[in-house]
Amino acid sequence: MRKEISDWMFRLVMGVIPVTGAILLTGFAIPPSTLEQIVRSGELRVATTVGPTTYYQDGQSATGFEYDLARMFADHLGVKLVVVTPDNPDDMLALVAHREVHFAAAGIS
């Protein structure tokens, strides 16, 4: 009887340990940082407004202080810069909150 109980306990413990370990490992997995997500996706998504100090087309190329900063950051990371210009500037922070862009750069505080 004692051997049967110890065999039963051994099987229970050996079945519970892997399941518990799997739960703990998946429950405590650290999600990738925003920077890791940017590098993995290969693009930096930035929301901004069209204007002389933020982002505008100068002949054939884009320019503007906010654009230039974002471009240099994207170049430093080795990723493509994607500029999003919402119709309503008030939507920029919502784009960040919904993770449609990585950050907003439009002279806002």
PDB file of N, CA and C in Angstrom:
ATOM      1  N   MET A   1       0.824  -1.195   0.000  1.00  0.00           N
ATOM      2  CA  MET A   1       0.000   0.000   0.000  1.00  0.00           C
ATOM      3  C   MET A   1       0.868   1.258   0.000  1.00  0.00           C
ATOM      4  N   ARG A   2       1.926   1.218   0.834  1.00  0.00           N
ATOM      5  CA  ARG A   2       2.806   2.383   0.925  1.00  0.00           C
ATOM      6  C   ARG A   2       3.520   2.619  -0.409  1.00  0.00           C
ATOM      7  N   LYS A   3       3.966   1.567  -1.093  1.00  0.00           N
ATOM      8  CA  LYS A   3       4.624   1.690  -2.380  1.00  0.00           C
ATOM      9  C   LYS A   3       3.665   2.257  -3.423  1.00  0.00           C
ATOM     10  N   GLU A   4       2.386   1.816  -3.385  1.00  0.00           N
ATOM     11  CA  GLU A   4       1.392   2.333  -4.322  1.00  0.00           C
ATOM     12  C   GLU A   4       1.199   3.828  -4.128  1.00  0.00           C
ATOM     13  N   ILE A   5       1.168   4.297  -2.909  1.00  0.00           N
ATOM     14  CA  ILE A   5       0.995   5.724  -2.613  1.00  0.00           C
ATOM     15  C   ILE A   5       2.218   6.499  -3.085  1.00  0.00           C
ATOM     16  N   SER A   6       3.401   5.964  -2.819  1.00  0.00           N
ATOM     17  CA  SER A   6       4.604   6.685  -3.239  1.00  0.00           C
ATOM     18  C   SER A   6       4.709   6.711  -4.770  1.00  0.00           C
ATOM     19  N   ASP A   7       4.319   5.633  -5.458  1.00  0.00           N
ATOM     20  CA  ASP A   7       4.302   5.641  -6.920  1.00  0.00           C
ATOM     21  C   ASP A   7       3.299   6.663  -7.445  1.00  0.00           C
ATOM     22  N   TRP A   8       2.152   6.701  -6.832  1.00  0.00           N
ATOM     23  CA  TRP A   8       1.104   7.652  -7.224  1.00  0.00           C
ATOM     24  C   TRP A   8       1.572   9.088  -7.009  1.00  0.00           C
ATOM     25  N   MET A   9       2.209   9.357  -5.856  1.00  0.00           N
ATOM     26  CA  MET A   9       2.723  10.697  -5.554  1.00  0.00           C
ATOM     27  C   MET A   9       3.824  11.079  -6.536  1.00  0.00           C
ATOM     28  N   PHE A  10       4.687  10.133  -6.853  1.00  0.00           N
ATOM     29  CA  PHE A  10       5.768  10.388  -7.798  1.00  0.00           C
ATOM     30  C   PHE A  10       5.199  10.774  -9.165  1.00  0.00           C
ATOM     31  N   ARG A  11       4.213  10.035  -9.644  1.00  0.00           N
ATOM     32  CA  ARG A  11       3.581  10.343 -10.937  1.00  0.00           C
ATOM     33  C   ARG A  11       2.889  11.698 -10.913  1.00  0.00           C
ATOM     34  N   LEU A  12       2.235  11.996  -9.810  1.00  0.00           N
ATOM     35  CA  LEU A  12       1.555  13.289  -9.680  1.00  0.00           C
ATOM     36  C   LEU A  12       2.562  14.429  -9.747  1.00  0.00           C
ATOM     37  N   VAL A  13       3.621  14.309  -8.955  1.00  0.00           N
ATOM     38  CA  VAL A  13       4.634  15.362  -8.925  1.00  0.00           C
ATOM     39  C   VAL A  13       5.300  15.505 -10.289  1.00  0.00           C
ATOM     40  N   MET A  14       5.622  14.424 -10.932  1.00  0.00           N
ATOM     41  CA  MET A  14       6.278  14.470 -12.235  1.00  0.00           C
ATOM     42  C   MET A  14       5.354  15.026 -13.317  1.00  0.00           C
ATOM     43  N   GLY A  15       4.061  14.909 -13.133  1.00  0.00           N
ATOM     44  CA  GLY A  15       3.108  15.496 -14.081  1.00  0.00           C
ATOM     45  C   GLY A  15       2.861  16.964 -13.807  1.00  0.00           C
ATOM     46  N   VAL A  16       2.909  17.356 -12.548  1.00  0.00           N
ATOM     47  CA  VAL A  16       2.622  18.739 -12.166  1.00  0.00           C
ATOM     48  C   VAL A  16       3.804  19.656 -12.440  1.00  0.00           C
ATOM     49  N   ILE A  17       5.011  19.196 -12.218  1.00  0.00           N
ATOM     50  CA  ILE A  17       6.184  20.054 -12.375  1.00  0.00           C
ATOM     51  C   ILE A  17       6.313  20.606 -13.797  1.00  0.00           C
ATOM     52  N   PRO A  18       6.241  19.788 -14.843  1.00  0.00           N
ATOM     53  CA  PRO A  18       6.366  20.369 -16.190  1.00  0.00           C
ATOM     54  C   PRO A  18       5.234  21.345 -16.521  1.00  0.00           C
ATOM     55  N   VAL A  19       4.025  21.024 -16.120  1.00  0.00           N
ATOM     56  CA  VAL A  19       2.888  21.911 -16.395  1.00  0.00           C
ATOM     57  C   VAL A  19       3.074  23.233 -15.650  1.00  0.00           C
ATOM     58  N   THR A  20       3.449  23.167 -14.385  1.00  0.00           N
ATOM     59  CA  THR A  20       3.669  24.379 -13.595  1.00  0.00           C
ATOM     60  C   THR A  20       4.794  25.202 -14.201  1.00  0.00           C
ATOM     61  N   GLY A  21       5.859  24.535 -14.602  1.00  0.00           N
ATOM     62  CA  GLY A  21       6.974  25.247 -15.233  1.00  0.00           C
ATOM     63  C   GLY A  21       6.555  25.958 -16.502  1.00  0.00           C
ATOM     64  N   ALA A  22       5.765  25.286 -17.315  1.00  0.00           N
ATOM     65  CA  ALA A  22       5.297  25.895 -18.564  1.00  0.00           C
ATOM     66  C   ALA A  22       4.418  27.106 -18.285  1.00  0.00           C
ATOM     67  N   ILE A  23       3.557  27.000 -17.298  1.00  0.00           N
ATOM     68  CA  ILE A  23       2.683  28.127 -16.932  1.00  0.00           C
ATOM     69  C   ILE A  23       3.524  29.288 -16.446  1.00  0.00           C
ATOM     70  N   LEU A  24       4.486  29.017 -15.596  1.00  0.00           N
ATOM     71  CA  LEU A  24       5.325  30.089 -15.069  1.00  0.00           C
ATOM     72  C   LEU A  24       6.144  30.748 -16.166  1.00  0.00           C
ATOM     73  N   LEU A  25       6.689  29.966 -17.072  1.00  0.00           N
ATOM     74  CA  LEU A  25       7.504  30.541 -18.137  1.00  0.00           C
ATOM     75  C   LEU A  25       6.692  31.398 -19.088  1.00  0.00           C
ATOM     76  N   THR A  26       5.503  30.948 -19.454  1.00  0.00           N
ATOM     77  CA  THR A  26       4.688  31.745 -20.365  1.00  0.00           C
ATOM     78  C   THR A  26       4.055  32.927 -19.654  1.00  0.00           C
ATOM     79  N   GLY A  27       3.762  32.789 -18.384  1.00  0.00           N
ATOM     80  CA  GLY A  27       3.147  33.873 -17.631  1.00  0.00           C
ATOM     81  C   GLY A  27       4.102  35.004 -17.329  1.00  0.00           C
ATOM     82  N   PHE A  28       5.397  34.710 -17.310  1.00  0.00           N
ATOM     83  CA  PHE A  28       6.380  35.731 -16.970  1.00  0.00           C
ATOM     84  C   PHE A  28       7.268  36.120 -18.144  1.00  0.00           C
ATOM     85  N   ALA A  29       6.842  35.776 -19.339  1.00  0.00           N
ATOM     86  CA  ALA A  29       7.616  36.153 -20.521  1.00  0.00           C
ATOM     87  C   ALA A  29       7.620  37.669 -20.659  1.00  0.00           C
ATOM     88  N   ILE A  30       8.786  38.222 -20.886  1.00  0.00           N
ATOM     89  CA  ILE A  30       8.915  39.669 -21.023  1.00  0.00           C
ATOM     90  C   ILE A  30       8.655  40.030 -22.478  1.00  0.00           C
ATOM     91  N   PRO A  31       7.654  40.880 -22.732  1.00  0.00           N
ATOM     92  CA  PRO A  31       7.378  41.260 -24.120  1.00  0.00           C
ATOM     93  C   PRO A  31       8.530  42.111 -24.666  1.00  0.00           C
ATOM     94  N   PRO A  32       8.729  42.101 -25.975  1.00  0.00           N
ATOM     95  CA  PRO A  32       9.822  42.900 -26.537  1.00  0.00           C
ATOM     96  C   PRO A  32       9.569  44.389 -26.324  1.00  0.00           C
ATOM     97  N   SER A  33      10.647  45.127 -26.104  1.00  0.00           N
ATOM     98  CA  SER A  33      10.534  46.574 -25.931  1.00  0.00           C
ATOM     99  C   SER A  33      10.131  47.212 -27.258  1.00  0.00           C
ATOM    100  N   THR A  34       9.734  48.464 -27.212  1.00  0.00           N
ATOM    101  CA  THR A  34       9.367  49.183 -28.431  1.00  0.00           C
ATOM    102  C   THR A  34      10.559  49.226 -29.379  1.00  0.00           C
ATOM    103  N   LEU A  35      11.746  49.448 -28.833  1.00  0.00           N
ATOM    104  CA  LEU A  35      12.942  49.482 -29.667  1.00  0.00           C
ATOM    105  C   LEU A  35      13.162  48.141 -30.358  1.00  0.00           C
ATOM    106  N   GLU A  36      12.993  47.050 -29.628  1.00  0.00           N
ATOM    107  CA  GLU A  36      13.130  45.721 -30.232  1.00  0.00           C
ATOM    108  C   GLU A  36      12.085  45.501 -31.322  1.00  0.00           C
ATOM    109  N   GLN A  37      10.865  45.979 -31.093  1.00  0.00           N
ATOM    110  CA  GLN A  37       9.806  45.840 -32.091  1.00  0.00           C
ATOM    111  C   GLN A  37      10.153  46.624 -33.361  1.00  0.00           C
ATOM    112  N   ILE A  38      10.706  47.825 -33.186  1.00  0.00           N
ATOM    113  CA  ILE A  38      11.084  48.656 -34.331  1.00  0.00           C
ATOM    114  C   ILE A  38      12.153  47.949 -35.156  1.00  0.00           C
ATOM    115  N   VAL A  39      13.191  47.464 -34.491  1.00  0.00           N
ATOM    116  CA  VAL A  39      14.289  46.800 -35.194  1.00  0.00           C
ATOM    117  C   VAL A  39      13.796  45.530 -35.883  1.00  0.00           C
ATOM    118  N   ARG A  40      12.964  44.751 -35.205  1.00  0.00           N
ATOM    119  CA  ARG A  40      12.442  43.509 -35.804  1.00  0.00           C
ATOM    120  C   ARG A  40      11.568  43.778 -37.023  1.00  0.00           C
ATOM    121  N   SER A  41      10.716  44.835 -36.930  1.00  0.00           N
ATOM    122  CA  SER A  41       9.815  45.136 -38.043  1.00  0.00           C
ATOM    123  C   SER A  41      10.541  45.821 -39.196  1.00  0.00           C
ATOM    124  N   GLY A  42      11.669  46.469 -38.896  1.00  0.00           N
ATOM    125  CA  GLY A  42      12.419  47.155 -39.942  1.00  0.00           C
ATOM    126  C   GLY A  42      11.895  48.530 -40.280  1.00  0.00           C
ATOM    127  N   GLU A  43      10.963  49.041 -39.452  1.00  0.00           N
ATOM    128  CA  GLU A  43      10.469  50.395 -39.721  1.00  0.00           C
ATOM    129  C   GLU A  43      10.132  51.132 -38.436  1.00  0.00           C
ATOM    130  N   LEU A  44      10.401  52.440 -38.489  1.00  0.00           N
ATOM    131  CA  LEU A  44      10.069  53.357 -37.408  1.00  0.00           C
ATOM    132  C   LEU A  44       8.894  54.186 -37.884  1.00  0.00           C
ATOM    133  N   ARG A  45       7.762  54.074 -37.194  1.00  0.00           N
ATOM    134  CA  ARG A  45       6.536  54.782 -37.592  1.00  0.00           C
ATOM    135  C   ARG A  45       6.366  56.007 -36.702  1.00  0.00           C
ATOM    136  N   VAL A  46       6.297  57.181 -37.330  1.00  0.00           N
ATOM    137  CA  VAL A  46       6.227  58.453 -36.615  1.00  0.00           C
ATOM    138  C   VAL A  46       5.037  59.265 -37.111  1.00  0.00           C
ATOM    139  N   ALA A  47       4.245  59.786 -36.176  1.00  0.00           N
ATOM    140  CA  ALA A  47       3.130  60.674 -36.531  1.00  0.00           C
ATOM    141  C   ALA A  47       3.606  62.113 -36.401  1.00  0.00           C
ATOM    142  N   THR A  48       3.249  62.928 -37.368  1.00  0.00           N
ATOM    143  CA  THR A  48       3.607  64.349 -37.319  1.00  0.00           C
ATOM    144  C   THR A  48       2.591  65.157 -38.118  1.00  0.00           C
ATOM    145  N   THR A  49       2.763  66.463 -38.087  1.00  0.00           N
ATOM    146  CA  THR A  49       1.900  67.356 -38.862  1.00  0.00           C
ATOM    147  C   THR A  49       2.718  67.962 -39.999  1.00  0.00           C
ATOM    148  N   VAL A  50       2.032  68.405 -41.027  1.00  0.00           N
ATOM    149  CA  VAL A  50       2.699  69.077 -42.135  1.00  0.00           C
ATOM    150  C   VAL A  50       2.847  70.545 -41.755  1.00  0.00           C
ATOM    151  N   GLY A  51       4.080  71.027 -41.802  1.00  0.00           N
ATOM    152  CA  GLY A  51       4.352  72.417 -41.468  1.00  0.00           C
ATOM    153  C   GLY A  51       5.831  72.714 -41.617  1.00  0.00           C
ATOM    154  N   PRO A  52       6.197  73.995 -41.660  1.00  0.00           N
ATOM    155  CA  PRO A  52       7.591  74.374 -41.919  1.00  0.00           C
ATOM    156  C   PRO A  52       8.574  73.943 -40.826  1.00  0.00           C
ATOM    157  N   THR A  53       8.112  73.716 -39.621  1.00  0.00           N
ATOM    158  CA  THR A  53       9.029  73.307 -38.551  1.00  0.00           C
ATOM    159  C   THR A  53       8.929  71.824 -38.210  1.00  0.00           C
ATOM    160  N   THR A  54       8.023  71.119 -38.872  1.00  0.00           N
ATOM    161  CA  THR A  54       7.855  69.709 -38.550  1.00  0.00           C
ATOM    162  C   THR A  54       8.196  68.809 -39.731  1.00  0.00           C
ATOM    163  N   TYR A  55       7.387  68.898 -40.799  1.00  0.00           N
ATOM    164  CA  TYR A  55       7.541  67.991 -41.930  1.00  0.00           C
ATOM    165  C   TYR A  55       6.899  68.619 -43.159  1.00  0.00           C
ATOM    166  N   TYR A  56       7.668  68.708 -44.246  1.00  0.00           N
ATOM    167  CA  TYR A  56       7.114  69.208 -45.500  1.00  0.00           C
ATOM    168  C   TYR A  56       7.996  68.745 -46.658  1.00  0.00           C
ATOM    169  N   GLN A  57       7.446  68.819 -47.850  1.00  0.00           N
ATOM    170  CA  GLN A  57       8.179  68.450 -49.060  1.00  0.00           C
ATOM    171  C   GLN A  57       8.925  69.674 -49.576  1.00  0.00           C
ATOM    172  N   ASP A  58      10.229  69.540 -49.750  1.00  0.00           N
ATOM    173  CA  ASP A  58      11.075  70.622 -50.270  1.00  0.00           C
ATOM    174  C   ASP A  58      11.603  70.165 -51.622  1.00  0.00           C
ATOM    175  N   GLY A  59      10.854  70.447 -52.663  1.00  0.00           N
ATOM    176  CA  GLY A  59      11.231  69.952 -53.986  1.00  0.00           C
ATOM    177  C   GLY A  59      10.949  68.460 -54.083  1.00  0.00           C
ATOM    178  N   GLN A  60      12.000  67.669 -54.179  1.00  0.00           N
ATOM    179  CA  GLN A  60      11.859  66.223 -54.341  1.00  0.00           C
ATOM    180  C   GLN A  60      11.944  65.441 -53.034  1.00  0.00           C
ATOM    181  N   SER A  61      12.378  66.092 -51.951  1.00  0.00           N
ATOM    182  CA  SER A  61      12.588  65.338 -50.708  1.00  0.00           C
ATOM    183  C   SER A  61      11.822  65.951 -49.540  1.00  0.00           C
ATOM    184  N   ALA A  62      11.676  65.156 -48.514  1.00  0.00           N
ATOM    185  CA  ALA A  62      11.014  65.615 -47.293  1.00  0.00           C
ATOM    186  C   ALA A  62      12.047  66.275 -46.390  1.00  0.00           C
ATOM    187  N   THR A  63      11.586  67.223 -45.584  1.00  0.00           N
ATOM    188  CA  THR A  63      12.462  67.906 -44.641  1.00  0.00           C
ATOM    189  C   THR A  63      11.628  68.457 -43.495  1.00  0.00           C
ATOM    190  N   GLY A  64      12.237  69.213 -42.630  1.00  0.00           N
ATOM    191  CA  GLY A  64      11.582  69.753 -41.440  1.00  0.00           C
ATOM    192  C   GLY A  64      12.316  69.241 -40.209  1.00  0.00           C
ATOM    193  N   PHE A  65      12.336  70.032 -39.158  1.00  0.00           N
ATOM    194  CA  PHE A  65      13.116  69.697 -37.970  1.00  0.00           C
ATOM    195  C   PHE A  65      12.719  68.348 -37.371  1.00  0.00           C
ATOM    196  N   GLU A  66      11.430  68.148 -37.138  1.00  0.00           N
ATOM    197  CA  GLU A  66      10.972  66.887 -36.549  1.00  0.00           C
ATOM    198  C   GLU A  66      11.268  65.710 -37.481  1.00  0.00           C
ATOM    199  N   TYR A  67      11.053  65.924 -38.777  1.00  0.00           N
ATOM    200  CA  TYR A  67      11.334  64.876 -39.756  1.00  0.00           C
ATOM    201  C   TYR A  67      12.821  64.528 -39.755  1.00  0.00           C
ATOM    202  N   ASP A  68      13.668  65.539 -39.748  1.00  0.00           N
ATOM    203  CA  ASP A  68      15.112  65.303 -39.785  1.00  0.00           C
ATOM    204  C   ASP A  68      15.577  64.514 -38.559  1.00  0.00           C
ATOM    205  N   LEU A  69      15.050  64.833 -37.390  1.00  0.00           N
ATOM    206  CA  LEU A  69      15.405  64.083 -36.183  1.00  0.00           C
ATOM    207  C   LEU A  69      14.965  62.622 -36.298  1.00  0.00           C
ATOM    208  N   ALA A  70      13.737  62.411 -36.754  1.00  0.00           N
ATOM    209  CA  ALA A  70      13.224  61.047 -36.907  1.00  0.00           C
ATOM    210  C   ALA A  70      14.020  60.287 -37.962  1.00  0.00           C
ATOM    211  N   ARG A  71      14.372  60.965 -39.064  1.00  0.00           N
ATOM    212  CA  ARG A  71      15.164  60.336 -40.133  1.00  0.00           C
ATOM    213  C   ARG A  71      16.528  59.891 -39.602  1.00  0.00           C
ATOM    214  N   MET A  72      17.186  60.756 -38.828  1.00  0.00           N
ATOM    215  CA  MET A  72      18.497  60.403 -38.269  1.00  0.00           C
ATOM    216  C   MET A  72      18.381  59.222 -37.301  1.00  0.00           C
ATOM    217  N   PHE A  73      17.310  59.194 -36.521  1.00  0.00           N
ATOM    218  CA  PHE A  73      17.109  58.084 -35.580  1.00  0.00           C
ATOM    219  C   PHE A  73      16.878  56.787 -36.349  1.00  0.00           C
ATOM    220  N   ALA A  74      16.045  56.838 -37.377  1.00  0.00           N
ATOM    221  CA  ALA A  74      15.787  55.647 -38.201  1.00  0.00           C
ATOM    222  C   ALA A  74      17.071  55.181 -38.877  1.00  0.00           C
ATOM    223  N   ASP A  75      17.849  56.116 -39.405  1.00  0.00           N
ATOM    224  CA  ASP A  75      19.121  55.757 -40.040  1.00  0.00           C
ATOM    225  C   ASP A  75      20.066  55.111 -39.029  1.00  0.00           C
ATOM    226  N   HIS A  76      20.110  55.658 -37.819  1.00  0.00           N
ATOM    227  CA  HIS A  76      20.958  55.104 -36.759  1.00  0.00           C
ATOM    228  C   HIS A  76      20.560  53.665 -36.435  1.00  0.00           C
ATOM    229  N   LEU A  77      19.251  53.402 -36.426  1.00  0.00           N
ATOM    230  CA  LEU A  77      18.759  52.053 -36.133  1.00  0.00           C
ATOM    231  C   LEU A  77      18.850  51.122 -37.341  1.00  0.00           C
ATOM    232  N   GLY A  78      19.050  51.707 -38.518  1.00  0.00           N
ATOM    233  CA  GLY A  78      19.106  50.892 -39.735  1.00  0.00           C
ATOM    234  C   GLY A  78      17.737  50.429 -40.193  1.00  0.00           C
ATOM    235  N   VAL A  79      16.705  51.249 -39.954  1.00  0.00           N
ATOM    236  CA  VAL A  79      15.346  50.893 -40.341  1.00  0.00           C
ATOM    237  C   VAL A  79      14.764  51.969 -41.250  1.00  0.00           C
ATOM    238  N   LYS A  80      13.657  51.636 -41.885  1.00  0.00           N
ATOM    239  CA  LYS A  80      12.939  52.558 -42.768  1.00  0.00           C
ATOM    240  C   LYS A  80      12.081  53.502 -41.925  1.00  0.00           C
ATOM    241  N   LEU A  81      12.035  54.765 -42.302  1.00  0.00           N
ATOM    242  CA  LEU A  81      11.170  55.733 -41.627  1.00  0.00           C
ATOM    243  C   LEU A  81       9.835  55.805 -42.351  1.00  0.00           C
ATOM    244  N   VAL A  82       8.745  55.645 -41.610  1.00  0.00           N
ATOM    245  CA  VAL A  82       7.396  55.774 -42.151  1.00  0.00           C
ATOM    246  C   VAL A  82       6.750  56.960 -41.433  1.00  0.00           C
ATOM    247  N   VAL A  83       6.386  57.979 -42.188  1.00  0.00           N
ATOM    248  CA  VAL A  83       5.778  59.183 -41.621  1.00  0.00           C
ATOM    249  C   VAL A  83       4.277  59.120 -41.830  1.00  0.00           C
ATOM    250  N   VAL A  84       3.529  59.305 -40.747  1.00  0.00           N
ATOM    251  CA  VAL A  84       2.071  59.298 -40.778  1.00  0.00           C
ATOM    252  C   VAL A  84       1.605  60.710 -40.451  1.00  0.00           C
ATOM    253  N   THR A  85       0.785  61.295 -41.323  1.00  0.00           N
ATOM    254  CA  THR A  85       0.249  62.635 -41.080  1.00  0.00           C
ATOM    255  C   THR A  85      -1.272  62.543 -41.013  1.00  0.00           C
ATOM    256  N   PRO A  86      -1.812  62.420 -39.807  1.00  0.00           N
ATOM    257  CA  PRO A  86      -3.269  62.300 -39.689  1.00  0.00           C
ATOM    258  C   PRO A  86      -3.966  63.591 -40.143  1.00  0.00           C
ATOM    259  N   ASP A  87      -5.196  63.424 -40.628  1.00  0.00           N
ATOM    260  CA  ASP A  87      -5.980  64.581 -41.064  1.00  0.00           C
ATOM    261  C   ASP A  87      -6.205  65.546 -39.909  1.00  0.00           C
ATOM    262  N   ASN A  88      -6.433  65.007 -38.739  1.00  0.00           N
ATOM    263  CA  ASN A  88      -6.664  65.827 -37.554  1.00  0.00           C
ATOM    264  C   ASN A  88      -5.465  65.680 -36.617  1.00  0.00           C
ATOM    265  N   PRO A  89      -4.697  66.757 -36.383  1.00  0.00           N
ATOM    266  CA  PRO A  89      -3.525  66.673 -35.504  1.00  0.00           C
ATOM    267  C   PRO A  89      -3.853  66.167 -34.098  1.00  0.00           C
ATOM    268  N   ASP A  90      -5.090  66.348 -33.664  1.00  0.00           N
ATOM    269  CA  ASP A  90      -5.484  65.862 -32.338  1.00  0.00           C
ATOM    270  C   ASP A  90      -5.461  64.336 -32.258  1.00  0.00           C
ATOM    271  N   ASP A  91      -5.422  63.675 -33.407  1.00  0.00           N
ATOM    272  CA  ASP A  91      -5.415  62.214 -33.442  1.00  0.00           C
ATOM    273  C   ASP A  91      -4.027  61.610 -33.228  1.00  0.00           C
ATOM    274  N   MET A  92      -2.994  62.444 -33.217  1.00  0.00           N
ATOM    275  CA  MET A  92      -1.638  61.907 -33.124  1.00  0.00           C
ATOM    276  C   MET A  92      -1.397  61.102 -31.856  1.00  0.00           C
ATOM    277  N   LEU A  93      -1.814  61.620 -30.732  1.00  0.00           N
ATOM    278  CA  LEU A  93      -1.584  60.897 -29.485  1.00  0.00           C
ATOM    279  C   LEU A  93      -2.410  59.616 -29.417  1.00  0.00           C
ATOM    280  N   ALA A  94      -3.581  59.619 -30.052  1.00  0.00           N
ATOM    281  CA  ALA A  94      -4.380  58.392 -30.119  1.00  0.00           C
ATOM    282  C   ALA A  94      -3.656  57.337 -30.960  1.00  0.00           C
ATOM    283  N   LEU A  95      -2.975  57.766 -32.018  1.00  0.00           N
ATOM    284  CA  LEU A  95      -2.201  56.828 -32.837  1.00  0.00           C
ATOM    285  C   LEU A  95      -1.096  56.177 -32.008  1.00  0.00           C
ATOM    286  N   VAL A  96      -0.475  56.967 -31.141  1.00  0.00           N
ATOM    287  CA  VAL A  96       0.563  56.422 -30.256  1.00  0.00           C
ATOM    288  C   VAL A  96      -0.069  55.469 -29.249  1.00  0.00           C
ATOM    289  N   ALA A  97      -1.170  55.891 -28.645  1.00  0.00           N
ATOM    290  CA  ALA A  97      -1.841  55.069 -27.630  1.00  0.00           C
ATOM    291  C   ALA A  97      -2.309  53.732 -28.198  1.00  0.00           C
ATOM    292  N   HIS A  98      -2.744  53.731 -29.458  1.00  0.00           N
ATOM    293  CA  HIS A  98      -3.210  52.495 -30.096  1.00  0.00           C
ATOM    294  C   HIS A  98      -2.079  51.741 -30.789  1.00  0.00           C
ATOM    295  N   ARG A  99      -0.864  52.211 -30.600  1.00  0.00           N
ATOM    296  CA  ARG A  99       0.349  51.573 -31.141  1.00  0.00           C
ATOM    297  C   ARG A  99       0.357  51.460 -32.655  1.00  0.00           C
ATOM    298  N   GLU A 100      -0.286  52.438 -33.298  1.00  0.00           N
ATOM    299  CA  GLU A 100      -0.240  52.489 -34.757  1.00  0.00           C
ATOM    300  C   GLU A 100       1.035  53.176 -35.227  1.00  0.00           C
ATOM    301  N   VAL A 101       1.605  54.020 -34.364  1.00  0.00           N
ATOM    302  CA  VAL A 101       2.904  54.650 -34.589  1.00  0.00           C
ATOM    303  C   VAL A 101       3.725  54.474 -33.319  1.00  0.00           C
ATOM    304  N   HIS A 102       5.034  54.638 -33.439  1.00  0.00           N
ATOM    305  CA  HIS A 102       5.902  54.478 -32.278  1.00  0.00           C
ATOM    306  C   HIS A 102       5.974  55.742 -31.430  1.00  0.00           C
ATOM    307  N   PHE A 103       5.929  56.894 -32.081  1.00  0.00           N
ATOM    308  CA  PHE A 103       5.870  58.154 -31.340  1.00  0.00           C
ATOM    309  C   PHE A 103       5.359  59.268 -32.239  1.00  0.00           C
ATOM    310  N   ALA A 104       5.008  60.387 -31.606  1.00  0.00           N
ATOM    311  CA  ALA A 104       4.546  61.569 -32.319  1.00  0.00           C
ATOM    312  C   ALA A 104       5.632  62.638 -32.207  1.00  0.00           C
ATOM    313  N   ALA A 105       5.887  63.333 -33.290  1.00  0.00           N
ATOM    314  CA  ALA A 105       6.900  64.389 -33.304  1.00  0.00           C
ATOM    315  C   ALA A 105       6.330  65.568 -34.060  1.00  0.00           C
ATOM    316  N   ALA A 106       5.727  66.470 -33.319  1.00  0.00           N
ATOM    317  CA  ALA A 106       5.076  67.607 -33.976  1.00  0.00           C
ATOM    318  C   ALA A 106       5.106  68.845 -33.103  1.00  0.00           C
ATOM    319  N   GLY A 107       6.147  69.025 -32.326  1.00  0.00           N
ATOM    320  CA  GLY A 107       6.243  70.184 -31.452  1.00  0.00           C
ATOM    321  C   GLY A 107       5.180  70.177 -30.362  1.00  0.00           C
ATOM    322  N   ILE A 108       4.731  69.007 -29.962  1.00  0.00           N
ATOM    323  CA  ILE A 108       3.713  68.903 -28.910  1.00  0.00           C
ATOM    324  C   ILE A 108       4.375  68.526 -27.603  1.00  0.00           C
ATOM    325  N   SER A 109       3.734  68.889 -26.515  1.00  0.00           N
ATOM    326  CA  SER A 109       4.312  68.522 -25.216  1.00  0.00           C
ATOM    327  C   SER A 109       3.426  67.524 -24.512  1.00  0.00           C
TER     328      SER A 109
END
